[in-house]
């Protein structure tokens, strides 16, 4: 698997497979970026204001567009969320549930940071 022309490291544990997605410097503060892992676009979010990292599918299920990495992140009470940049449907970054009252849902993935690298569990 390649990212930026170099091989991506995969680490398997008894219950999870962690894939090195990118460097922390490649994801803007309080914003998102997109990586390709196993032919799936994954949106990674650096929620600096909360001191947390999140990963979701990049596909917005409302109109089937690969745009969530470019969405605006914020909070609904204590719930971290991302809003689709086109249609403003909002999704929980923790559960993937649509917070706009629609039946849509997105996949979420565990994230960890080690030695300046972002790892996503797939």
PDB file of N, CA and C in Angstrom:
ATOM      1  N   UNK A   1       0.844  -1.157   0.000  1.00  0.00           N
ATOM      2  CA  UNK A   1       0.000   0.000   0.000  1.00  0.00           C
ATOM      3  C   UNK A   1       0.902   1.237   0.000  1.00  0.00           C
ATOM      4  N   UNK A   2       0.568   2.275  -0.772  1.00  0.00           N
ATOM      5  CA  UNK A   2       1.407   3.455  -0.901  1.00  0.00           C
ATOM      6  C   UNK A   2       0.682   4.707  -0.434  1.00  0.00           C
ATOM      7  N   UNK A   3       1.420   5.618   0.170  1.00  0.00           N
ATOM      8  CA  UNK A   3       0.930   6.944   0.520  1.00  0.00           C
ATOM      9  C   UNK A   3       2.045   7.911   0.191  1.00  0.00           C
ATOM     10  N   UNK A   4       1.770   8.845  -0.681  1.00  0.00           N
ATOM     11  CA  UNK A   4       2.792   9.818  -1.055  1.00  0.00           C
ATOM     12  C   UNK A   4       4.023   9.170  -1.651  1.00  0.00           C
ATOM     13  N   UNK A   5       3.843   8.031  -2.350  1.00  0.00           N
ATOM     14  CA  UNK A   5       4.962   7.384  -3.012  1.00  0.00           C
ATOM     15  C   UNK A   5       5.790   6.484  -2.121  1.00  0.00           C
ATOM     16  N   UNK A   6       5.368   6.309  -0.848  1.00  0.00           N
ATOM     17  CA  UNK A   6       6.128   5.413   0.015  1.00  0.00           C
ATOM     18  C   UNK A   6       5.205   4.351   0.591  1.00  0.00           C
ATOM     19  N   UNK A   7       5.786   3.236   0.991  1.00  0.00           N
ATOM     20  CA  UNK A   7       4.990   2.126   1.487  1.00  0.00           C
ATOM     21  C   UNK A   7       4.391   2.472   2.848  1.00  0.00           C
ATOM     22  N   UNK A   8       3.138   2.055   3.050  1.00  0.00           N
ATOM     23  CA  UNK A   8       2.444   2.286   4.313  1.00  0.00           C
ATOM     24  C   UNK A   8       2.643   1.073   5.209  1.00  0.00           C
ATOM     25  N   UNK A   9       2.963   1.340   6.473  1.00  0.00           N
ATOM     26  CA  UNK A   9       3.193   0.281   7.434  1.00  0.00           C
ATOM     27  C   UNK A   9       1.869  -0.206   8.005  1.00  0.00           C
ATOM     28  N   UNK A  10       1.706  -1.512   8.137  1.00  0.00           N
ATOM     29  CA  UNK A  10       0.534  -2.118   8.744  1.00  0.00           C
ATOM     30  C   UNK A  10       0.989  -2.914   9.954  1.00  0.00           C
ATOM     31  N   UNK A  11       0.302  -2.713  11.099  1.00  0.00           N
ATOM     32  CA  UNK A  11       0.616  -3.432  12.324  1.00  0.00           C
ATOM     33  C   UNK A  11      -0.634  -4.166  12.762  1.00  0.00           C
ATOM     34  N   UNK A  12      -0.553  -5.492  12.897  1.00  0.00           N
ATOM     35  CA  UNK A  12      -1.698  -6.273  13.324  1.00  0.00           C
ATOM     36  C   UNK A  12      -1.533  -6.678  14.774  1.00  0.00           C
ATOM     37  N   UNK A  13      -2.633  -6.559  15.547  1.00  0.00           N
ATOM     38  CA  UNK A  13      -2.670  -7.070  16.906  1.00  0.00           C
ATOM     39  C   UNK A  13      -3.710  -8.175  16.931  1.00  0.00           C
ATOM     40  N   UNK A  14      -3.961  -8.737  18.105  1.00  0.00           N
ATOM     41  CA  UNK A  14      -4.907  -9.849  18.198  1.00  0.00           C
ATOM     42  C   UNK A  14      -6.306  -9.445  17.746  1.00  0.00           C
ATOM     43  N   UNK A  15      -6.686  -8.181  17.940  1.00  0.00           N
ATOM     44  CA  UNK A  15      -8.060  -7.785  17.630  1.00  0.00           C
ATOM     45  C   UNK A  15      -8.168  -6.673  16.598  1.00  0.00           C
ATOM     46  N   UNK A  16      -7.072  -6.006  16.256  1.00  0.00           N
ATOM     47  CA  UNK A  16      -7.145  -4.863  15.350  1.00  0.00           C
ATOM     48  C   UNK A  16      -5.979  -4.864  14.373  1.00  0.00           C
ATOM     49  N   UNK A  17      -6.197  -4.213  13.247  1.00  0.00           N
ATOM     50  CA  UNK A  17      -5.126  -3.969  12.293  1.00  0.00           C
ATOM     51  C   UNK A  17      -4.964  -2.456  12.185  1.00  0.00           C
ATOM     52  N   UNK A  18      -3.799  -1.956  12.577  1.00  0.00           N
ATOM     53  CA  UNK A  18      -3.508  -0.517  12.522  1.00  0.00           C
ATOM     54  C   UNK A  18      -2.680  -0.229  11.277  1.00  0.00           C
ATOM     55  N   UNK A  19      -3.109   0.760  10.518  1.00  0.00           N
ATOM     56  CA  UNK A  19      -2.423   1.149   9.298  1.00  0.00           C
ATOM     57  C   UNK A  19      -1.902   2.567   9.468  1.00  0.00           C
ATOM     58  N   UNK A  20      -0.611   2.763   9.171  1.00  0.00           N
ATOM     59  CA  UNK A  20      -0.049   4.103   9.205  1.00  0.00           C
ATOM     60  C   UNK A  20      -0.634   4.880   8.035  1.00  0.00           C
ATOM     61  N   UNK A  21      -1.407   5.928   8.347  1.00  0.00           N
ATOM     62  CA  UNK A  21      -2.122   6.658   7.318  1.00  0.00           C
ATOM     63  C   UNK A  21      -1.332   7.848   6.784  1.00  0.00           C
ATOM     64  N   UNK A  22      -0.706   8.615   7.683  1.00  0.00           N
ATOM     65  CA  UNK A  22       0.013   9.822   7.271  1.00  0.00           C
ATOM     66  C   UNK A  22       0.751  10.397   8.470  1.00  0.00           C
ATOM     67  N   UNK A  23       1.461  11.465   8.232  1.00  0.00           N
ATOM     68  CA  UNK A  23       2.124  12.217   9.294  1.00  0.00           C
ATOM     69  C   UNK A  23       1.118  13.192   9.898  1.00  0.00           C
ATOM     70  N   UNK A  24       1.262  13.502  11.177  1.00  0.00           N
ATOM     71  CA  UNK A  24       0.356  14.478  11.810  1.00  0.00           C
ATOM     72  C   UNK A  24       0.460  15.836  11.130  1.00  0.00           C
ATOM     73  N   UNK A  25       1.595  16.136  10.522  1.00  0.00           N
ATOM     74  CA  UNK A  25       1.776  17.436   9.867  1.00  0.00           C
ATOM     75  C   UNK A  25       0.995  17.546   8.559  1.00  0.00           C
ATOM     76  N   UNK A  26       0.492  16.429   8.053  1.00  0.00           N
ATOM     77  CA  UNK A  26      -0.245  16.442   6.791  1.00  0.00           C
ATOM     78  C   UNK A  26      -1.737  16.740   6.964  1.00  0.00           C
ATOM     79  N   UNK A  27      -2.203  16.786   8.197  1.00  0.00           N
ATOM     80  CA  UNK A  27      -3.607  17.083   8.474  1.00  0.00           C
ATOM     81  C   UNK A  27      -3.666  18.438   9.172  1.00  0.00           C
ATOM     82  N   UNK A  28      -4.387  19.408   8.615  1.00  0.00           N
ATOM     83  CA  UNK A  28      -4.408  20.752   9.211  1.00  0.00           C
ATOM     84  C   UNK A  28      -5.087  20.766  10.576  1.00  0.00           C
ATOM     85  N   UNK A  29      -4.642  21.694  11.426  1.00  0.00           N
ATOM     86  CA  UNK A  29      -5.281  21.873  12.728  1.00  0.00           C
ATOM     87  C   UNK A  29      -6.740  22.270  12.520  1.00  0.00           C
ATOM     88  N   UNK A  30      -7.624  21.661  13.316  1.00  0.00           N
ATOM     89  CA  UNK A  30      -9.061  21.919  13.247  1.00  0.00           C
ATOM     90  C   UNK A  30      -9.611  21.741  11.838  1.00  0.00           C
ATOM     91  N   UNK A  31      -9.092  20.715  11.162  1.00  0.00           N
ATOM     92  CA  UNK A  31      -9.527  20.414   9.806  1.00  0.00           C
ATOM     93  C   UNK A  31      -9.318  18.952   9.495  1.00  0.00           C
ATOM     94  N   UNK A  32      -9.466  18.618   8.214  1.00  0.00           N
ATOM     95  CA  UNK A  32      -9.358  17.229   7.803  1.00  0.00           C
ATOM     96  C   UNK A  32      -8.533  17.045   6.557  1.00  0.00           C
ATOM     97  N   UNK A  33      -8.227  15.802   6.291  1.00  0.00           N
ATOM     98  CA  UNK A  33      -7.520  15.396   5.091  1.00  0.00           C
ATOM     99  C   UNK A  33      -7.993  14.004   4.717  1.00  0.00           C
ATOM    100  N   UNK A  34      -7.632  13.567   3.541  1.00  0.00           N
ATOM    101  CA  UNK A  34      -8.095  12.276   3.045  1.00  0.00           C
ATOM    102  C   UNK A  34      -6.912  11.390   2.690  1.00  0.00           C
ATOM    103  N   UNK A  35      -7.010  10.107   3.052  1.00  0.00           N
ATOM    104  CA  UNK A  35      -6.008   9.112   2.674  1.00  0.00           C
ATOM    105  C   UNK A  35      -6.732   7.926   2.036  1.00  0.00           C
ATOM    106  N   UNK A  36      -6.008   7.178   1.245  1.00  0.00           N
ATOM    107  CA  UNK A  36      -6.556   5.982   0.606  1.00  0.00           C
ATOM    108  C   UNK A  36      -5.957   4.765   1.298  1.00  0.00           C
ATOM    109  N   UNK A  37      -6.808   3.959   1.917  1.00  0.00           N
ATOM    110  CA  UNK A  37      -6.378   2.741   2.599  1.00  0.00           C
ATOM    111  C   UNK A  37      -7.207   1.589   2.055  1.00  0.00           C
ATOM    112  N   UNK A  38      -6.543   0.600   1.492  1.00  0.00           N
ATOM    113  CA  UNK A  38      -7.236  -0.568   0.936  1.00  0.00           C
ATOM    114  C   UNK A  38      -8.363  -0.159  -0.008  1.00  0.00           C
ATOM    115  N   UNK A  39      -8.085   0.761  -0.891  1.00  0.00           N
ATOM    116  CA  UNK A  39      -9.038   1.239  -1.898  1.00  0.00           C
ATOM    117  C   UNK A  39     -10.236   1.972  -1.307  1.00  0.00           C
ATOM    118  N   UNK A  40     -10.151   2.397  -0.057  1.00  0.00           N
ATOM    119  CA  UNK A  40     -11.225   3.169   0.560  1.00  0.00           C
ATOM    120  C   UNK A  40     -10.693   4.532   0.984  1.00  0.00           C
ATOM    121  N   UNK A  41     -11.424   5.593   0.629  1.00  0.00           N
ATOM    122  CA  UNK A  41     -11.050   6.935   1.064  1.00  0.00           C
ATOM    123  C   UNK A  41     -11.466   7.122   2.518  1.00  0.00           C
ATOM    124  N   UNK A  42     -10.480   7.455   3.353  1.00  0.00           N
ATOM    125  CA  UNK A  42     -10.704   7.674   4.778  1.00  0.00           C
ATOM    126  C   UNK A  42     -10.428   9.146   5.076  1.00  0.00           C
ATOM    127  N   UNK A  43     -11.381   9.806   5.717  1.00  0.00           N
ATOM    128  CA  UNK A  43     -11.200  11.190   6.165  1.00  0.00           C
ATOM    129  C   UNK A  43     -10.614  11.165   7.564  1.00  0.00           C
ATOM    130  N   UNK A  44      -9.538  11.917   7.752  1.00  0.00           N
ATOM    131  CA  UNK A  44      -8.895  12.020   9.066  1.00  0.00           C
ATOM    132  C   UNK A  44      -9.027  13.462   9.533  1.00  0.00           C
ATOM    133  N   UNK A  45      -9.441  13.631  10.794  1.00  0.00           N
ATOM    134  CA  UNK A  45      -9.679  14.959  11.345  1.00  0.00           C
ATOM    135  C   UNK A  45      -8.794  15.209  12.555  1.00  0.00           C
ATOM    136  N   UNK A  46      -8.123  16.363  12.553  1.00  0.00           N
ATOM    137  CA  UNK A  46      -7.299  16.825  13.667  1.00  0.00           C
ATOM    138  C   UNK A  46      -8.108  17.895  14.394  1.00  0.00           C
ATOM    139  N   UNK A  47      -8.855  17.494  15.398  1.00  0.00           N
ATOM    140  CA  UNK A  47      -9.731  18.405  16.137  1.00  0.00           C
ATOM    141  C   UNK A  47      -8.911  19.013  17.270  1.00  0.00           C
ATOM    142  N   UNK A  48      -8.058  19.954  16.906  1.00  0.00           N
ATOM    143  CA  UNK A  48      -7.097  20.555  17.826  1.00  0.00           C
ATOM    144  C   UNK A  48      -7.779  21.197  19.024  1.00  0.00           C
ATOM    145  N   UNK A  49      -8.899  21.865  18.802  1.00  0.00           N
ATOM    146  CA  UNK A  49      -9.601  22.535  19.911  1.00  0.00           C
ATOM    147  C   UNK A  49     -10.004  21.553  21.002  1.00  0.00           C
ATOM    148  N   UNK A  50     -10.236  20.305  20.641  1.00  0.00           N
ATOM    149  CA  UNK A  50     -10.604  19.267  21.606  1.00  0.00           C
ATOM    150  C   UNK A  50      -9.409  18.398  21.990  1.00  0.00           C
ATOM    151  N   UNK A  51      -8.296  18.542  21.252  1.00  0.00           N
ATOM    152  CA  UNK A  51      -7.137  17.687  21.504  1.00  0.00           C
ATOM    153  C   UNK A  51      -7.389  16.245  21.095  1.00  0.00           C
ATOM    154  N   UNK A  52      -8.203  16.040  20.034  1.00  0.00           N
ATOM    155  CA  UNK A  52      -8.592  14.695  19.630  1.00  0.00           C
ATOM    156  C   UNK A  52      -8.450  14.506  18.117  1.00  0.00           C
ATOM    157  N   UNK A  53      -8.309  13.257  17.716  1.00  0.00           N
ATOM    158  CA  UNK A  53      -8.228  12.864  16.312  1.00  0.00           C
ATOM    159  C   UNK A  53      -9.364  11.906  16.007  1.00  0.00           C
ATOM    160  N   UNK A  54      -9.905  11.984  14.786  1.00  0.00           N
ATOM    161  CA  UNK A  54     -11.004  11.121  14.368  1.00  0.00           C
ATOM    162  C   UNK A  54     -10.760  10.653  12.942  1.00  0.00           C
ATOM    163  N   UNK A  55     -11.379   9.523  12.586  1.00  0.00           N
ATOM    164  CA  UNK A  55     -11.336   9.037  11.203  1.00  0.00           C
ATOM    165  C   UNK A  55     -12.713   8.496  10.850  1.00  0.00           C
ATOM    166  N   UNK A  56     -13.157   8.820   9.634  1.00  0.00           N
ATOM    167  CA  UNK A  56     -14.442   8.350   9.127  1.00  0.00           C
ATOM    168  C   UNK A  56     -14.291   8.008   7.652  1.00  0.00           C
ATOM    169  N   UNK A  57     -15.322   7.422   7.095  1.00  0.00           N
ATOM    170  CA  UNK A  57     -15.340   7.295   5.640  1.00  0.00           C
ATOM    171  C   UNK A  57     -15.372   8.696   5.067  1.00  0.00           C
ATOM    172  N   UNK A  58     -14.850   8.890   3.877  1.00  0.00           N
ATOM    173  CA  UNK A  58     -14.873  10.198   3.221  1.00  0.00           C
ATOM    174  C   UNK A  58     -16.169  10.410   2.443  1.00  0.00           C
ATOM    175  N   UNK A  59     -16.884   9.349   2.168  1.00  0.00           N
ATOM    176  CA  UNK A  59     -18.108   9.404   1.375  1.00  0.00           C
ATOM    177  C   UNK A  59     -19.280   9.943   2.194  1.00  0.00           C
ATOM    178  N   UNK A  60     -19.878  11.034   1.718  1.00  0.00           N
ATOM    179  CA  UNK A  60     -21.110  11.526   2.325  1.00  0.00           C
ATOM    180  C   UNK A  60     -22.253  10.672   1.778  1.00  0.00           C
ATOM    181  N   UNK A  61     -23.002   9.994   2.638  1.00  0.00           N
ATOM    182  CA  UNK A  61     -24.043   9.087   2.139  1.00  0.00           C
ATOM    183  C   UNK A  61     -25.259   9.812   1.551  1.00  0.00           C
ATOM    184  N   UNK A  62     -25.396  11.087   1.804  1.00  0.00           N
ATOM    185  CA  UNK A  62     -26.551  11.836   1.313  1.00  0.00           C
ATOM    186  C   UNK A  62     -26.569  11.896  -0.203  1.00  0.00           C
ATOM    187  N   UNK A  63     -25.473  12.317  -0.818  1.00  0.00           N
ATOM    188  CA  UNK A  63     -25.406  12.415  -2.279  1.00  0.00           C
ATOM    189  C   UNK A  63     -24.271  11.588  -2.879  1.00  0.00           C
ATOM    190  N   UNK A  64     -23.691  10.693  -2.076  1.00  0.00           N
ATOM    191  CA  UNK A  64     -22.646   9.783  -2.544  1.00  0.00           C
ATOM    192  C   UNK A  64     -21.448  10.542  -3.119  1.00  0.00           C
ATOM    193  N   UNK A  65     -20.996  11.579  -2.395  1.00  0.00           N
ATOM    194  CA  UNK A  65     -19.837  12.357  -2.826  1.00  0.00           C
ATOM    195  C   UNK A  65     -18.697  12.194  -1.817  1.00  0.00           C
ATOM    196  N   UNK A  66     -17.466  12.122  -2.324  1.00  0.00           N
ATOM    197  CA  UNK A  66     -16.270  11.977  -1.485  1.00  0.00           C
ATOM    198  C   UNK A  66     -15.821  13.357  -1.010  1.00  0.00           C
ATOM    199  N   UNK A  67     -16.438  13.852   0.063  1.00  0.00           N
ATOM    200  CA  UNK A  67     -16.200  15.234   0.468  1.00  0.00           C
ATOM    201  C   UNK A  67     -16.047  15.467   1.963  1.00  0.00           C
ATOM    202  N   UNK A  68     -16.278  14.471   2.804  1.00  0.00           N
ATOM    203  CA  UNK A  68     -16.320  14.739   4.239  1.00  0.00           C
ATOM    204  C   UNK A  68     -15.005  15.280   4.797  1.00  0.00           C
ATOM    205  N   UNK A  69     -13.871  14.904   4.214  1.00  0.00           N
ATOM    206  CA  UNK A  69     -12.580  15.406   4.701  1.00  0.00           C
ATOM    207  C   UNK A  69     -12.491  16.923   4.581  1.00  0.00           C
ATOM    208  N   UNK A  70     -13.278  17.501   3.664  1.00  0.00           N
ATOM    209  CA  UNK A  70     -13.284  18.952   3.479  1.00  0.00           C
ATOM    210  C   UNK A  70     -14.387  19.639   4.283  1.00  0.00           C
ATOM    211  N   UNK A  71     -15.103  18.862   5.097  1.00  0.00           N
ATOM    212  CA  UNK A  71     -16.198  19.414   5.883  1.00  0.00           C
ATOM    213  C   UNK A  71     -15.706  20.217   7.074  1.00  0.00           C
ATOM    214  N   UNK A  72     -16.607  21.005   7.624  1.00  0.00           N
ATOM    215  CA  UNK A  72     -16.307  21.817   8.798  1.00  0.00           C
ATOM    216  C   UNK A  72     -16.559  20.986  10.055  1.00  0.00           C
ATOM    217  N   UNK A  73     -15.589  20.997  10.976  1.00  0.00           N
ATOM    218  CA  UNK A  73     -15.774  20.266  12.220  1.00  0.00           C
ATOM    219  C   UNK A  73     -16.165  21.228  13.335  1.00  0.00           C
ATOM    220  N   UNK A  74     -16.889  20.699  14.287  1.00  0.00           N
ATOM    221  CA  UNK A  74     -17.342  21.483  15.436  1.00  0.00           C
ATOM    222  C   UNK A  74     -17.954  20.553  16.458  1.00  0.00           C
ATOM    223  N   UNK A  75     -18.761  21.109  17.338  1.00  0.00           N
ATOM    224  CA  UNK A  75     -19.400  20.312  18.380  1.00  0.00           C
ATOM    225  C   UNK A  75     -20.873  20.656  18.473  1.00  0.00           C
ATOM    226  N   UNK A  76     -21.667  19.641  18.785  1.00  0.00           N
ATOM    227  CA  UNK A  76     -23.075  19.817  19.125  1.00  0.00           C
ATOM    228  C   UNK A  76     -23.178  19.411  20.588  1.00  0.00           C
ATOM    229  N   UNK A  77     -23.093  20.384  21.490  1.00  0.00           N
ATOM    230  CA  UNK A  77     -22.950  20.060  22.908  1.00  0.00           C
ATOM    231  C   UNK A  77     -21.586  19.441  23.116  1.00  0.00           C
ATOM    232  N   UNK A  78     -21.544  18.222  23.631  1.00  0.00           N
ATOM    233  CA  UNK A  78     -20.274  17.505  23.826  1.00  0.00           C
ATOM    234  C   UNK A  78     -19.928  16.599  22.655  1.00  0.00           C
ATOM    235  N   UNK A  79     -20.807  16.525  21.660  1.00  0.00           N
ATOM    236  CA  UNK A  79     -20.626  15.610  20.530  1.00  0.00           C
ATOM    237  C   UNK A  79     -19.784  16.256  19.432  1.00  0.00           C
ATOM    238  N   UNK A  80     -18.592  15.690  19.113  1.00  0.00           N
ATOM    239  CA  UNK A  80     -17.816  16.207  17.981  1.00  0.00           C
ATOM    240  C   UNK A  80     -18.510  15.822  16.677  1.00  0.00           C
ATOM    241  N   UNK A  81     -18.512  16.754  15.702  1.00  0.00           N
ATOM    242  CA  UNK A  81     -19.246  16.489  14.464  1.00  0.00           C
ATOM    243  C   UNK A  81     -18.508  17.055  13.273  1.00  0.00           C
ATOM    244  N   UNK A  82     -18.907  16.551  12.095  1.00  0.00           N
ATOM    245  CA  UNK A  82     -18.436  17.085  10.822  1.00  0.00           C
ATOM    246  C   UNK A  82     -19.673  17.375   9.980  1.00  0.00           C
ATOM    247  N   UNK A  83     -19.623  18.494   9.255  1.00  0.00           N
ATOM    248  CA  UNK A  83     -20.714  18.869   8.356  1.00  0.00           C
ATOM    249  C   UNK A  83     -20.247  18.702   6.922  1.00  0.00           C
ATOM    250  N   UNK A  84     -21.049  18.044   6.104  1.00  0.00           N
ATOM    251  CA  UNK A  84     -20.756  17.916   4.683  1.00  0.00           C
ATOM    252  C   UNK A  84     -20.627  19.321   4.091  1.00  0.00           C
ATOM    253  N   UNK A  85     -19.556  19.588   3.342  1.00  0.00           N
ATOM    254  CA  UNK A  85     -19.356  20.946   2.822  1.00  0.00           C
ATOM    255  C   UNK A  85     -20.382  21.358   1.763  1.00  0.00           C
ATOM    256  N   UNK A  86     -21.090  20.402   1.174  1.00  0.00           N
ATOM    257  CA  UNK A  86     -22.061  20.745   0.135  1.00  0.00           C
ATOM    258  C   UNK A  86     -23.490  20.878   0.654  1.00  0.00           C
ATOM    259  N   UNK A  87     -23.922  19.914   1.466  1.00  0.00           N
ATOM    260  CA  UNK A  87     -25.330  19.863   1.840  1.00  0.00           C
ATOM    261  C   UNK A  87     -25.567  20.066   3.330  1.00  0.00           C
ATOM    262  N   UNK A  88     -24.503  20.264   4.094  1.00  0.00           N
ATOM    263  CA  UNK A  88     -24.556  20.592   5.524  1.00  0.00           C
ATOM    264  C   UNK A  88     -25.180  19.514   6.404  1.00  0.00           C
ATOM    265  N   UNK A  89     -25.297  18.281   5.905  1.00  0.00           N
ATOM    266  CA  UNK A  89     -25.699  17.178   6.779  1.00  0.00           C
ATOM    267  C   UNK A  89     -24.567  16.998   7.784  1.00  0.00           C
ATOM    268  N   UNK A  90     -24.899  16.834   9.057  1.00  0.00           N
ATOM    269  CA  UNK A  90     -23.860  16.688  10.078  1.00  0.00           C
ATOM    270  C   UNK A  90     -23.853  15.269  10.627  1.00  0.00           C
ATOM    271  N   UNK A  91     -22.632  14.797  10.943  1.00  0.00           N
ATOM    272  CA  UNK A  91     -22.433  13.435  11.424  1.00  0.00           C
ATOM    273  C   UNK A  91     -21.536  13.452  12.657  1.00  0.00           C
ATOM    274  N   UNK A  92     -21.842  12.577  13.621  1.00  0.00           N
ATOM    275  CA  UNK A  92     -21.003  12.412  14.795  1.00  0.00           C
ATOM    276  C   UNK A  92     -19.664  11.818  14.375  1.00  0.00           C
ATOM    277  N   UNK A  93     -18.586  12.416  14.845  1.00  0.00           N
ATOM    278  CA  UNK A  93     -17.255  11.869  14.560  1.00  0.00           C
ATOM    279  C   UNK A  93     -16.966  10.649  15.433  1.00  0.00           C
ATOM    280  N   UNK A  94     -17.765  10.433  16.477  1.00  0.00           N
ATOM    281  CA  UNK A  94     -17.570   9.275  17.350  1.00  0.00           C
ATOM    282  C   UNK A  94     -18.395   8.070  16.914  1.00  0.00           C
ATOM    283  N   UNK A  95     -19.683   8.274  16.679  1.00  0.00           N
ATOM    284  CA  UNK A  95     -20.576   7.150  16.363  1.00  0.00           C
ATOM    285  C   UNK A  95     -20.902   7.033  14.885  1.00  0.00           C
ATOM    286  N   UNK A  96     -20.763   8.115  14.119  1.00  0.00           N
ATOM    287  CA  UNK A  96     -21.132   8.121  12.710  1.00  0.00           C
ATOM    288  C   UNK A  96     -22.594   8.446  12.462  1.00  0.00           C
ATOM    289  N   UNK A  97     -23.369   8.579  13.515  1.00  0.00           N
ATOM    290  CA  UNK A  97     -24.801   8.866  13.385  1.00  0.00           C
ATOM    291  C   UNK A  97     -25.021  10.240  12.762  1.00  0.00           C
ATOM    292  N   UNK A  98     -26.029  10.340  11.905  1.00  0.00           N
ATOM    293  CA  UNK A  98     -26.405  11.628  11.325  1.00  0.00           C
ATOM    294  C   UNK A  98     -27.084  12.454  12.404  1.00  0.00           C
ATOM    295  N   UNK A  99     -26.598  13.668  12.626  1.00  0.00           N
ATOM    296  CA  UNK A  99     -27.142  14.548  13.656  1.00  0.00           C
ATOM    297  C   UNK A  99     -28.157  15.528  13.080  1.00  0.00           C
ATOM    298  N   UNK A 100     -28.434  15.406  11.786  1.00  0.00           N
ATOM    299  CA  UNK A 100     -29.372  16.303  11.109  1.00  0.00           C
ATOM    300  C   UNK A 100     -30.797  15.741  11.088  1.00  0.00           C
ATOM    301  N   UNK A 101     -31.019  14.625  11.778  1.00  0.00           N
ATOM    302  CA  UNK A 101     -32.350  14.040  11.824  1.00  0.00           C
ATOM    303  C   UNK A 101     -32.659  13.107  10.679  1.00  0.00           C
ATOM    304  N   UNK A 102     -31.685  12.773   9.858  1.00  0.00           N
ATOM    305  CA  UNK A 102     -31.886  11.865   8.735  1.00  0.00           C
ATOM    306  C   UNK A 102     -31.406  10.461   9.103  1.00  0.00           C
ATOM    307  N   UNK A 103     -31.773   9.484   8.301  1.00  0.00           N
ATOM    308  CA  UNK A 103     -31.429   8.088   8.574  1.00  0.00           C
ATOM    309  C   UNK A 103     -30.037   7.703   8.081  1.00  0.00           C
ATOM    310  N   UNK A 104     -29.220   8.645   7.664  1.00  0.00           N
ATOM    311  CA  UNK A 104     -27.877   8.351   7.169  1.00  0.00           C
ATOM    312  C   UNK A 104     -26.935   8.034   8.321  1.00  0.00           C
ATOM    313  N   UNK A 105     -25.853   7.317   7.996  1.00  0.00           N
ATOM    314  CA  UNK A 105     -24.811   6.999   8.972  1.00  0.00           C
ATOM    315  C   UNK A 105     -23.500   6.828   8.223  1.00  0.00           C
ATOM    316  N   UNK A 106     -22.386   7.173   8.866  1.00  0.00           N
ATOM    317  CA  UNK A 106     -21.069   6.983   8.262  1.00  0.00           C
ATOM    318  C   UNK A 106     -20.242   6.045   9.139  1.00  0.00           C
ATOM    319  N   UNK A 107     -19.269   5.373   8.505  1.00  0.00           N
ATOM    320  CA  UNK A 107     -18.352   4.517   9.254  1.00  0.00           C
ATOM    321  C   UNK A 107     -17.332   5.391   9.980  1.00  0.00           C
ATOM    322  N   UNK A 108     -16.987   4.986  11.176  1.00  0.00           N
ATOM    323  CA  UNK A 108     -15.921   5.649  11.931  1.00  0.00           C
ATOM    324  C   UNK A 108     -14.844   4.612  12.238  1.00  0.00           C
ATOM    325  N   UNK A 109     -13.627   5.097  12.446  1.00  0.00           N
ATOM    326  CA  UNK A 109     -12.492   4.224  12.696  1.00  0.00           C
ATOM    327  C   UNK A 109     -11.698   4.737  13.892  1.00  0.00           C
ATOM    328  N   UNK A 110     -11.167   3.825  14.719  1.00  0.00           N
ATOM    329  CA  UNK A 110     -10.272   4.260  15.796  1.00  0.00           C
ATOM    330  C   UNK A 110      -8.995   4.876  15.221  1.00  0.00           C
ATOM    331  N   UNK A 111      -8.469   5.876  15.924  1.00  0.00           N
ATOM    332  CA  UNK A 111      -7.246   6.575  15.508  1.00  0.00           C
ATOM    333  C   UNK A 111      -6.292   6.619  16.687  1.00  0.00           C
ATOM    334  N   UNK A 112      -5.004   6.472  16.402  1.00  0.00           N
ATOM    335  CA  UNK A 112      -3.990   6.707  17.429  1.00  0.00           C
ATOM    336  C   UNK A 112      -2.819   7.422  16.783  1.00  0.00           C
ATOM    337  N   UNK A 113      -2.106   8.179  17.612  1.00  0.00           N
ATOM    338  CA  UNK A 113      -0.928   8.930  17.171  1.00  0.00           C
ATOM    339  C   UNK A 113       0.284   8.328  17.863  1.00  0.00           C
ATOM    340  N   UNK A 114       1.291   7.984  17.070  1.00  0.00           N
ATOM    341  CA  UNK A 114       2.547   7.450  17.612  1.00  0.00           C
ATOM    342  C   UNK A 114       3.707   8.023  16.828  1.00  0.00           C
ATOM    343  N   UNK A 115       4.657   8.592  17.524  1.00  0.00           N
ATOM    344  CA  UNK A 115       5.877   9.121  16.908  1.00  0.00           C
ATOM    345  C   UNK A 115       5.585  10.051  15.732  1.00  0.00           C
ATOM    346  N   UNK A 116       4.569  10.901  15.893  1.00  0.00           N
ATOM    347  CA  UNK A 116       4.258  11.872  14.862  1.00  0.00           C
ATOM    348  C   UNK A 116       3.522  11.323  13.649  1.00  0.00           C
ATOM    349  N   UNK A 117       3.060  10.086  13.750  1.00  0.00           N
ATOM    350  CA  UNK A 117       2.328   9.457  12.649  1.00  0.00           C
ATOM    351  C   UNK A 117       0.909   9.143  13.097  1.00  0.00           C
ATOM    352  N   UNK A 118      -0.024   9.223  12.135  1.00  0.00           N
ATOM    353  CA  UNK A 118      -1.433   8.915  12.378  1.00  0.00           C
ATOM    354  C   UNK A 118      -1.690   7.468  11.943  1.00  0.00           C
ATOM    355  N   UNK A 119      -2.229   6.666  12.837  1.00  0.00           N
ATOM    356  CA  UNK A 119      -2.589   5.283  12.545  1.00  0.00           C
ATOM    357  C   UNK A 119      -4.108   5.145  12.635  1.00  0.00           C
ATOM    358  N   UNK A 120      -4.680   4.385  11.707  1.00  0.00           N
ATOM    359  CA  UNK A 120      -6.116   4.136  11.675  1.00  0.00           C
ATOM    360  C   UNK A 120      -6.307   2.632  11.787  1.00  0.00           C
ATOM    361  N   UNK A 121      -7.250   2.218  12.640  1.00  0.00           N
ATOM    362  CA  UNK A 121      -7.575   0.798  12.763  1.00  0.00           C
ATOM    363  C   UNK A 121      -8.669   0.450  11.776  1.00  0.00           C
ATOM    364  N   UNK A 122      -8.384  -0.559  10.945  1.00  0.00           N
ATOM    365  CA  UNK A 122      -9.362  -0.959   9.921  1.00  0.00           C
ATOM    366  C   UNK A 122      -9.877  -2.363  10.206  1.00  0.00           C
TER     367      UNK A 122
END
